[in-house]
Amino acid sequence: MARHKIFAMEFAKVYPLYIQKAERKNRTKADVDQIICWLTGYDQAGLQQQLELRNDFESFFAQAPAMHPNASLIRGVVCGVRVEEIDDPLMQKIRYLDKLIDELAKGKKIEKILRQ
């Protein structure tokens, strides 16, 4: 089976798009960073290092300290696909992040987004 193009895409190229999406809805870069760190286990320094290394999504998630145990509670549709039904573990992680950023941009409270 062919690898998805997004796996090889640089996380650092998509990251500003996440921020733009959030800022268009009066959310902040800090909100985006909090969501990314919650999901992946990176601290702020670790996230910054990943951006500087310009790692692709595959490396970004492979090097993540630990996916949050509540990530499996993320439900919903991204790009017409239910995130809880995605078979490929890497694609599911990418779509989890997309879903969380979508929720942020829709004005959902951080506590709800972080499944607390």
Protein backbone atom coordinates (compact mmCIF):
# COMPACT_ATOMS: atom_id res chain seq x y z
CA MET A 1 0.00 0.00 0.00
CA ALA A 2 1.30 3.47 -0.88
CA ARG A 3 2.33 5.79 1.91
CA HIS A 4 0.21 8.86 2.38
CA LYS A 5 1.87 12.10 1.26
CA ILE A 6 1.08 13.75 4.58
CA PHE A 7 3.42 11.35 6.42
CA ALA A 8 6.42 12.92 4.66
CA MET A 9 5.12 16.50 4.98
CA GLU A 10 7.13 18.72 7.32
CA PHE A 11 5.27 19.38 10.54
CA ALA A 12 6.88 22.85 10.61
CA LYS A 13 5.11 23.73 7.35
CA VAL A 14 1.67 22.76 8.67
CA TYR A 15 2.12 24.24 12.15
CA PRO A 16 1.68 27.88 10.99
CA LEU A 17 -1.56 26.83 9.28
CA TYR A 18 -2.87 25.46 12.57
CA ILE A 19 -2.04 28.79 14.21
CA GLN A 20 -3.67 30.80 11.40
CA LYS A 21 -6.83 28.71 11.66
CA ALA A 22 -6.99 29.29 15.41
CA GLU A 23 -6.19 33.01 15.20
CA ARG A 24 -8.93 33.59 12.61
CA LYS A 25 -11.33 32.54 15.38
CA ASN A 26 -9.68 34.69 18.07
CA ARG A 27 -7.70 31.83 19.59
CA THR A 28 -3.95 31.97 20.19
CA LYS A 29 -0.69 30.26 19.32
CA ALA A 30 -0.50 29.35 23.02
CA ASP A 31 -3.81 27.48 22.68
CA VAL A 32 -2.49 25.56 19.68
CA ASP A 33 0.74 24.72 21.51
CA GLN A 34 -1.19 23.56 24.57
CA ILE A 35 -3.25 21.19 22.43
CA ILE A 36 -0.22 19.80 20.61
CA CYS A 37 1.69 19.30 23.86
CA TRP A 38 -1.33 17.66 25.53
CA LEU A 39 -1.78 15.21 22.66
CA THR A 40 1.88 14.30 22.11
CA GLY A 41 3.56 14.74 25.47
CA TYR A 42 6.04 17.28 24.12
CA ASP A 43 6.87 20.19 26.39
CA GLN A 44 7.27 23.65 24.86
CA ALA A 45 11.02 23.17 24.34
CA GLY A 46 10.47 19.78 22.71
CA LEU A 47 7.84 21.20 20.38
CA GLN A 48 10.17 24.05 19.43
CA GLN A 49 12.96 21.58 18.75
CA GLN A 50 10.70 19.57 16.43
CA LEU A 51 9.88 22.74 14.52
CA GLU A 52 13.57 23.63 14.21
CA LEU A 53 14.49 20.11 13.07
CA ARG A 54 11.78 20.36 10.41
CA ASN A 55 10.77 16.75 10.99
CA ASP A 56 8.02 15.20 8.93
CA PHE A 57 4.77 14.07 10.55
CA GLU A 58 6.00 10.49 10.79
CA SER A 59 9.10 11.52 12.76
CA PHE A 60 7.18 14.11 14.78
CA PHE A 61 4.78 11.49 16.12
CA ALA A 62 7.41 8.71 16.35
CA GLN A 63 9.55 10.94 18.59
CA ALA A 64 6.61 12.17 20.68
CA PRO A 65 7.23 11.39 24.37
CA ALA A 66 3.79 9.82 24.86
CA MET A 67 0.39 10.16 23.29
CA HIS A 68 -2.13 11.26 25.90
CA PRO A 69 -4.13 8.31 27.26
CA ASN A 70 -7.36 10.23 26.63
CA ALA A 71 -6.58 10.62 22.91
CA SER A 72 -8.81 7.62 22.27
CA LEU A 73 -11.74 9.74 23.52
CA ILE A 74 -11.39 12.01 20.48
CA ARG A 75 -14.36 11.37 18.22
CA GLY A 76 -15.77 13.02 15.15
CA VAL A 77 -15.26 13.60 11.46
CA VAL A 78 -12.22 15.13 9.77
CA CYS A 79 -12.01 15.25 5.97
CA GLY A 80 -15.14 13.11 5.77
CA VAL A 81 -13.67 10.29 7.85
CA ARG A 82 -14.50 9.37 11.44
CA VAL A 83 -11.22 9.63 13.39
CA GLU A 84 -12.11 6.73 15.66
CA GLU A 85 -12.43 4.42 12.62
CA ILE A 86 -9.05 5.16 11.01
CA ASP A 87 -6.99 1.97 10.82
CA ASP A 88 -3.51 3.42 10.24
CA PRO A 89 -2.13 4.50 13.65
CA LEU A 90 -0.07 7.38 12.25
CA MET A 91 -2.93 8.74 10.16
CA GLN A 92 -5.19 8.48 13.20
CA LYS A 93 -2.75 10.58 15.27
CA ILE A 94 -2.56 13.20 12.53
CA ARG A 95 -6.35 13.33 12.29
CA TYR A 96 -6.67 13.51 16.09
CA LEU A 97 -4.56 16.66 15.95
CA ASP A 98 -6.61 18.04 13.07
CA LYS A 99 -9.82 17.37 15.00
CA LEU A 100 -8.52 19.13 18.11
CA ILE A 101 -7.48 22.19 16.09
CA ASP A 102 -10.92 22.19 14.42
CA GLU A 103 -12.58 22.15 17.84
CA LEU A 104 -10.38 25.04 18.98
CA ALA A 105 -11.30 27.04 15.89
CA LYS A 106 -14.98 26.37 16.52
CA GLY A 107 -14.73 28.02 19.92
CA LYS A 108 -14.85 24.93 22.11
CA LYS A 109 -13.42 25.42 25.61
CA ILE A 110 -9.89 24.11 26.16
CA GLU A 111 -11.07 21.84 29.01
CA LYS A 112 -13.48 20.11 26.63
CA ILE A 113 -10.91 19.89 23.83
CA LEU A 114 -8.41 18.26 26.18
CA ARG A 115 -11.00 15.72 27.27
CA GLN A 116 -10.72 16.69 30.95
